[in-house]
């Protein structure tokens, strides 16, 4: 079930997907194509940080 806490994660994943499609389309993947798992791990932690920030801003 989609909760409000997972919405920032989905937004980050969607932006990352569009960014990777753009890089693949232009052929300028560079270091991302050399180390995809490290890049995805970094993006995972960015998504978690965004989620933590949004949740902490809306706590009552």
PDB file of N, CA and C in Angstrom:
ATOM      1  N   UNK A   1       0.841  -1.183   0.000  1.00  0.00           N
ATOM      2  CA  UNK A   1       0.000   0.000   0.000  1.00  0.00           C
ATOM      3  C   UNK A   1       0.888   1.248   0.000  1.00  0.00           C
ATOM      4  N   UNK A   2       0.528   2.191  -0.803  1.00  0.00           N
ATOM      5  CA  UNK A   2       1.298   3.433  -0.895  1.00  0.00           C
ATOM      6  C   UNK A   2       0.928   4.350   0.257  1.00  0.00           C
ATOM      7  N   UNK A   3       1.921   4.728   1.040  1.00  0.00           N
ATOM      8  CA  UNK A   3       1.684   5.650   2.136  1.00  0.00           C
ATOM      9  C   UNK A   3       2.333   6.980   1.813  1.00  0.00           C
ATOM     10  N   UNK A   4       1.988   7.967   2.574  1.00  0.00           N
ATOM     11  CA  UNK A   4       2.548   9.302   2.344  1.00  0.00           C
ATOM     12  C   UNK A   4       4.049   9.336   2.624  1.00  0.00           C
ATOM     13  N   UNK A   5       4.524   8.420   3.464  1.00  0.00           N
ATOM     14  CA  UNK A   5       5.948   8.386   3.774  1.00  0.00           C
ATOM     15  C   UNK A   5       6.766   7.872   2.601  1.00  0.00           C
ATOM     16  N   UNK A   6       6.175   7.080   1.733  1.00  0.00           N
ATOM     17  CA  UNK A   6       6.889   6.515   0.588  1.00  0.00           C
ATOM     18  C   UNK A   6       6.831   7.403  -0.639  1.00  0.00           C
ATOM     19  N   UNK A   7       6.018   8.438  -0.637  1.00  0.00           N
ATOM     20  CA  UNK A   7       5.892   9.316  -1.790  1.00  0.00           C
ATOM     21  C   UNK A   7       7.210   9.975  -2.190  1.00  0.00           C
ATOM     22  N   UNK A   8       8.011  10.511  -1.252  1.00  0.00           N
ATOM     23  CA  UNK A   8       9.305  11.085  -1.664  1.00  0.00           C
ATOM     24  C   UNK A   8      10.240  10.055  -2.285  1.00  0.00           C
ATOM     25  N   UNK A   9      10.196   8.804  -1.789  1.00  0.00           N
ATOM     26  CA  UNK A   9      11.018   7.752  -2.383  1.00  0.00           C
ATOM     27  C   UNK A   9      10.635   7.509  -3.832  1.00  0.00           C
ATOM     28  N   UNK A  10       9.343   7.475  -4.087  1.00  0.00           N
ATOM     29  CA  UNK A  10       8.871   7.225  -5.447  1.00  0.00           C
ATOM     30  C   UNK A  10       9.242   8.386  -6.361  1.00  0.00           C
ATOM     31  N   UNK A  11       9.164   9.603  -5.855  1.00  0.00           N
ATOM     32  CA  UNK A  11       9.540  10.770  -6.657  1.00  0.00           C
ATOM     33  C   UNK A  11      11.018  10.717  -7.008  1.00  0.00           C
ATOM     34  N   UNK A  12      11.871  10.396  -6.042  1.00  0.00           N
ATOM     35  CA  UNK A  12      13.313  10.316  -6.295  1.00  0.00           C
ATOM     36  C   UNK A  12      13.615   9.207  -7.298  1.00  0.00           C
ATOM     37  N   UNK A  13      12.959   8.061  -7.164  1.00  0.00           N
ATOM     38  CA  UNK A  13      13.188   6.956  -8.094  1.00  0.00           C
ATOM     39  C   UNK A  13      12.729   7.333  -9.501  1.00  0.00           C
ATOM     40  N   UNK A  14      11.591   8.028  -9.609  1.00  0.00           N
ATOM     41  CA  UNK A  14      11.101   8.443 -10.925  1.00  0.00           C
ATOM     42  C   UNK A  14      12.046   9.447 -11.575  1.00  0.00           C
ATOM     43  N   UNK A  15      12.542  10.405 -10.797  1.00  0.00           N
ATOM     44  CA  UNK A  15      13.490  11.388 -11.339  1.00  0.00           C
ATOM     45  C   UNK A  15      14.783  10.697 -11.755  1.00  0.00           C
ATOM     46  N   UNK A  16      15.257   9.763 -10.944  1.00  0.00           N
ATOM     47  CA  UNK A  16      16.458   9.013 -11.287  1.00  0.00           C
ATOM     48  C   UNK A  16      16.259   8.221 -12.576  1.00  0.00           C
ATOM     49  N   UNK A  17      15.110   7.578 -12.707  1.00  0.00           N
ATOM     50  CA  UNK A  17      14.823   6.818 -13.920  1.00  0.00           C
ATOM     51  C   UNK A  17      14.808   7.702 -15.155  1.00  0.00           C
ATOM     52  N   UNK A  18      14.171   8.858 -15.067  1.00  0.00           N
ATOM     53  CA  UNK A  18      14.153   9.785 -16.201  1.00  0.00           C
ATOM     54  C   UNK A  18      15.551  10.302 -16.520  1.00  0.00           C
ATOM     55  N   UNK A  19      16.339  10.544 -15.486  1.00  0.00           N
ATOM     56  CA  UNK A  19      17.717  11.013 -15.677  1.00  0.00           C
ATOM     57  C   UNK A  19      18.559   9.951 -16.384  1.00  0.00           C
ATOM     58  N   UNK A  20      18.407   8.695 -15.959  1.00  0.00           N
ATOM     59  CA  UNK A  20      19.158   7.611 -16.592  1.00  0.00           C
ATOM     60  C   UNK A  20      18.715   7.378 -18.036  1.00  0.00           C
ATOM     61  N   UNK A  21      17.422   7.508 -18.296  1.00  0.00           N
ATOM     62  CA  UNK A  21      16.937   7.387 -19.677  1.00  0.00           C
ATOM     63  C   UNK A  21      17.520   8.501 -20.536  1.00  0.00           C
ATOM     64  N   UNK A  22      17.568   9.703 -20.013  1.00  0.00           N
ATOM     65  CA  UNK A  22      18.151  10.830 -20.748  1.00  0.00           C
ATOM     66  C   UNK A  22      19.632  10.602 -21.028  1.00  0.00           C
ATOM     67  N   UNK A  23      20.370  10.131 -20.017  1.00  0.00           N
ATOM     68  CA  UNK A  23      21.794   9.869 -20.222  1.00  0.00           C
ATOM     69  C   UNK A  23      22.010   8.743 -21.234  1.00  0.00           C
ATOM     70  N   UNK A  24      21.162   7.725 -21.180  1.00  0.00           N
ATOM     71  CA  UNK A  24      21.284   6.631 -22.134  1.00  0.00           C
ATOM     72  C   UNK A  24      20.947   7.107 -23.548  1.00  0.00           C
ATOM     73  N   UNK A  25      19.964   7.957 -23.670  1.00  0.00           N
ATOM     74  CA  UNK A  25      19.547   8.470 -24.979  1.00  0.00           C
ATOM     75  C   UNK A  25      20.637   9.340 -25.607  1.00  0.00           C
ATOM     76  N   UNK A  26      21.293  10.156 -24.785  1.00  0.00           N
ATOM     77  CA  UNK A  26      22.337  11.037 -25.302  1.00  0.00           C
ATOM     78  C   UNK A  26      23.679  10.331 -25.426  1.00  0.00           C
ATOM     79  N   UNK A  27      23.849   9.174 -24.789  1.00  0.00           N
ATOM     80  CA  UNK A  27      25.099   8.428 -24.866  1.00  0.00           C
ATOM     81  C   UNK A  27      26.179   8.952 -23.947  1.00  0.00           C
ATOM     82  N   UNK A  28      25.823   9.756 -22.963  1.00  0.00           N
ATOM     83  CA  UNK A  28      26.807  10.340 -22.048  1.00  0.00           C
ATOM     84  C   UNK A  28      26.646   9.755 -20.643  1.00  0.00           C
ATOM     85  N   UNK A  29      26.691   8.442 -20.553  1.00  0.00           N
ATOM     86  CA  UNK A  29      26.491   7.820 -19.249  1.00  0.00           C
ATOM     87  C   UNK A  29      27.714   7.935 -18.354  1.00  0.00           C
ATOM     88  N   UNK A  30      28.901   7.893 -18.912  1.00  0.00           N
ATOM     89  CA  UNK A  30      30.125   8.133 -18.150  1.00  0.00           C
ATOM     90  C   UNK A  30      30.312   7.214 -16.974  1.00  0.00           C
ATOM     91  N   UNK A  31      30.559   7.800 -15.812  1.00  0.00           N
ATOM     92  CA  UNK A  31      30.894   7.032 -14.609  1.00  0.00           C
ATOM     93  C   UNK A  31      29.691   6.249 -14.096  1.00  0.00           C
ATOM     94  N   UNK A  32      28.480   6.708 -14.409  1.00  0.00           N
ATOM     95  CA  UNK A  32      27.294   5.993 -13.942  1.00  0.00           C
ATOM     96  C   UNK A  32      27.235   4.608 -14.578  1.00  0.00           C
ATOM     97  N   UNK A  33      27.586   4.508 -15.852  1.00  0.00           N
ATOM     98  CA  UNK A  33      27.551   3.201 -16.502  1.00  0.00           C
ATOM     99  C   UNK A  33      28.696   2.304 -16.052  1.00  0.00           C
ATOM    100  N   UNK A  34      29.787   2.902 -15.576  1.00  0.00           N
ATOM    101  CA  UNK A  34      30.908   2.102 -15.089  1.00  0.00           C
ATOM    102  C   UNK A  34      30.631   1.520 -13.707  1.00  0.00           C
ATOM    103  N   UNK A  35      29.919   2.267 -12.862  1.00  0.00           N
ATOM    104  CA  UNK A  35      29.639   1.842 -11.492  1.00  0.00           C
ATOM    105  C   UNK A  35      28.155   2.016 -11.171  1.00  0.00           C
ATOM    106  N   UNK A  36      27.268   1.251 -11.803  1.00  0.00           N
ATOM    107  CA  UNK A  36      25.822   1.497 -11.602  1.00  0.00           C
ATOM    108  C   UNK A  36      25.334   1.180 -10.193  1.00  0.00           C
ATOM    109  N   UNK A  37      25.897   0.153  -9.554  1.00  0.00           N
ATOM    110  CA  UNK A  37      25.404  -0.224  -8.239  1.00  0.00           C
ATOM    111  C   UNK A  37      25.792   0.806  -7.185  1.00  0.00           C
ATOM    112  N   UNK A  38      26.962   1.387  -7.314  1.00  0.00           N
ATOM    113  CA  UNK A  38      27.365   2.441  -6.377  1.00  0.00           C
ATOM    114  C   UNK A  38      26.469   3.660  -6.556  1.00  0.00           C
ATOM    115  N   UNK A  39      26.161   4.004  -7.811  1.00  0.00           N
ATOM    116  CA  UNK A  39      25.290   5.139  -8.065  1.00  0.00           C
ATOM    117  C   UNK A  39      23.886   4.892  -7.513  1.00  0.00           C
ATOM    118  N   UNK A  40      23.357   3.688  -7.708  1.00  0.00           N
ATOM    119  CA  UNK A  40      22.030   3.377  -7.178  1.00  0.00           C
ATOM    120  C   UNK A  40      22.023   3.363  -5.661  1.00  0.00           C
ATOM    121  N   UNK A  41      23.096   2.917  -5.031  1.00  0.00           N
ATOM    122  CA  UNK A  41      23.192   2.950  -3.578  1.00  0.00           C
ATOM    123  C   UNK A  41      23.193   4.388  -3.070  1.00  0.00           C
ATOM    124  N   UNK A  42      23.920   5.254  -3.736  1.00  0.00           N
ATOM    125  CA  UNK A  42      23.932   6.675  -3.364  1.00  0.00           C
ATOM    126  C   UNK A  42      22.539   7.265  -3.517  1.00  0.00           C
ATOM    127  N   UNK A  43      21.863   6.944  -4.606  1.00  0.00           N
ATOM    128  CA  UNK A  43      20.520   7.478  -4.829  1.00  0.00           C
ATOM    129  C   UNK A  43      19.531   6.933  -3.799  1.00  0.00           C
ATOM    130  N   UNK A  44      19.736   5.706  -3.343  1.00  0.00           N
ATOM    131  CA  UNK A  44      18.876   5.162  -2.293  1.00  0.00           C
ATOM    132  C   UNK A  44      18.998   6.002  -1.019  1.00  0.00           C
ATOM    133  N   UNK A  45      20.235   6.314  -0.624  1.00  0.00           N
ATOM    134  CA  UNK A  45      20.424   7.109   0.579  1.00  0.00           C
ATOM    135  C   UNK A  45      19.945   8.543   0.406  1.00  0.00           C
ATOM    136  N   UNK A  46      20.033   9.068  -0.800  1.00  0.00           N
ATOM    137  CA  UNK A  46      19.459  10.400  -1.068  1.00  0.00           C
ATOM    138  C   UNK A  46      17.944  10.345  -0.888  1.00  0.00           C
ATOM    139  N   UNK A  47      17.325   9.294  -1.396  1.00  0.00           N
ATOM    140  CA  UNK A  47      15.885   9.140  -1.220  1.00  0.00           C
ATOM    141  C   UNK A  47      15.489   9.005   0.238  1.00  0.00           C
ATOM    142  N   UNK A  48      16.257   8.256   1.005  1.00  0.00           N
ATOM    143  CA  UNK A  48      15.963   8.121   2.433  1.00  0.00           C
ATOM    144  C   UNK A  48      16.137   9.455   3.150  1.00  0.00           C
ATOM    145  N   UNK A  49      17.151  10.231   2.766  1.00  0.00           N
ATOM    146  CA  UNK A  49      17.371  11.534   3.391  1.00  0.00           C
ATOM    147  C   UNK A  49      16.214  12.483   3.078  1.00  0.00           C
ATOM    148  N   UNK A  50      15.727  12.455   1.843  1.00  0.00           N
ATOM    149  CA  UNK A  50      14.582  13.295   1.478  1.00  0.00           C
ATOM    150  C   UNK A  50      13.358  12.888   2.283  1.00  0.00           C
ATOM    151  N   UNK A  51      13.140  11.586   2.415  1.00  0.00           N
ATOM    152  CA  UNK A  51      12.004  11.100   3.204  1.00  0.00           C
ATOM    153  C   UNK A  51      12.124  11.539   4.655  1.00  0.00           C
ATOM    154  N   UNK A  52      13.296  11.381   5.241  1.00  0.00           N
ATOM    155  CA  UNK A  52      13.505  11.791   6.635  1.00  0.00           C
ATOM    156  C   UNK A  52      13.265  13.280   6.801  1.00  0.00           C
ATOM    157  N   UNK A  53      13.750  14.094   5.867  1.00  0.00           N
ATOM    158  CA  UNK A  53      13.592  15.543   5.957  1.00  0.00           C
ATOM    159  C   UNK A  53      12.109  15.927   5.893  1.00  0.00           C
ATOM    160  N   UNK A  54      11.363  15.341   4.969  1.00  0.00           N
ATOM    161  CA  UNK A  54       9.957  15.694   4.821  1.00  0.00           C
ATOM    162  C   UNK A  54       9.158  15.247   6.045  1.00  0.00           C
ATOM    163  N   UNK A  55       9.448  14.044   6.540  1.00  0.00           N
ATOM    164  CA  UNK A  55       8.730  13.560   7.725  1.00  0.00           C
ATOM    165  C   UNK A  55       9.051  14.424   8.935  1.00  0.00           C
ATOM    166  N   UNK A  56      10.314  14.807   9.102  1.00  0.00           N
ATOM    167  CA  UNK A  56      10.682  15.611  10.274  1.00  0.00           C
ATOM    168  C   UNK A  56      10.110  17.020  10.187  1.00  0.00           C
ATOM    169  N   UNK A  57       9.870  17.534   9.000  1.00  0.00           N
ATOM    170  CA  UNK A  57       9.282  18.866   8.858  1.00  0.00           C
ATOM    171  C   UNK A  57       7.785  18.876   9.149  1.00  0.00           C
ATOM    172  N   UNK A  58       7.127  17.724   9.010  1.00  0.00           N
ATOM    173  CA  UNK A  58       5.676  17.678   9.196  1.00  0.00           C
ATOM    174  C   UNK A  58       5.257  17.005  10.503  1.00  0.00           C
ATOM    175  N   UNK A  59       6.223  16.753  11.399  1.00  0.00           N
ATOM    176  CA  UNK A  59       5.864  16.190  12.700  1.00  0.00           C
ATOM    177  C   UNK A  59       5.168  17.258  13.538  1.00  0.00           C
ATOM    178  N   UNK A  60       4.273  16.804  14.356  1.00  0.00           N
ATOM    179  CA  UNK A  60       3.548  17.758  15.214  1.00  0.00           C
ATOM    180  C   UNK A  60       3.977  17.618  16.650  1.00  0.00           C
TER     181      UNK A  60
END
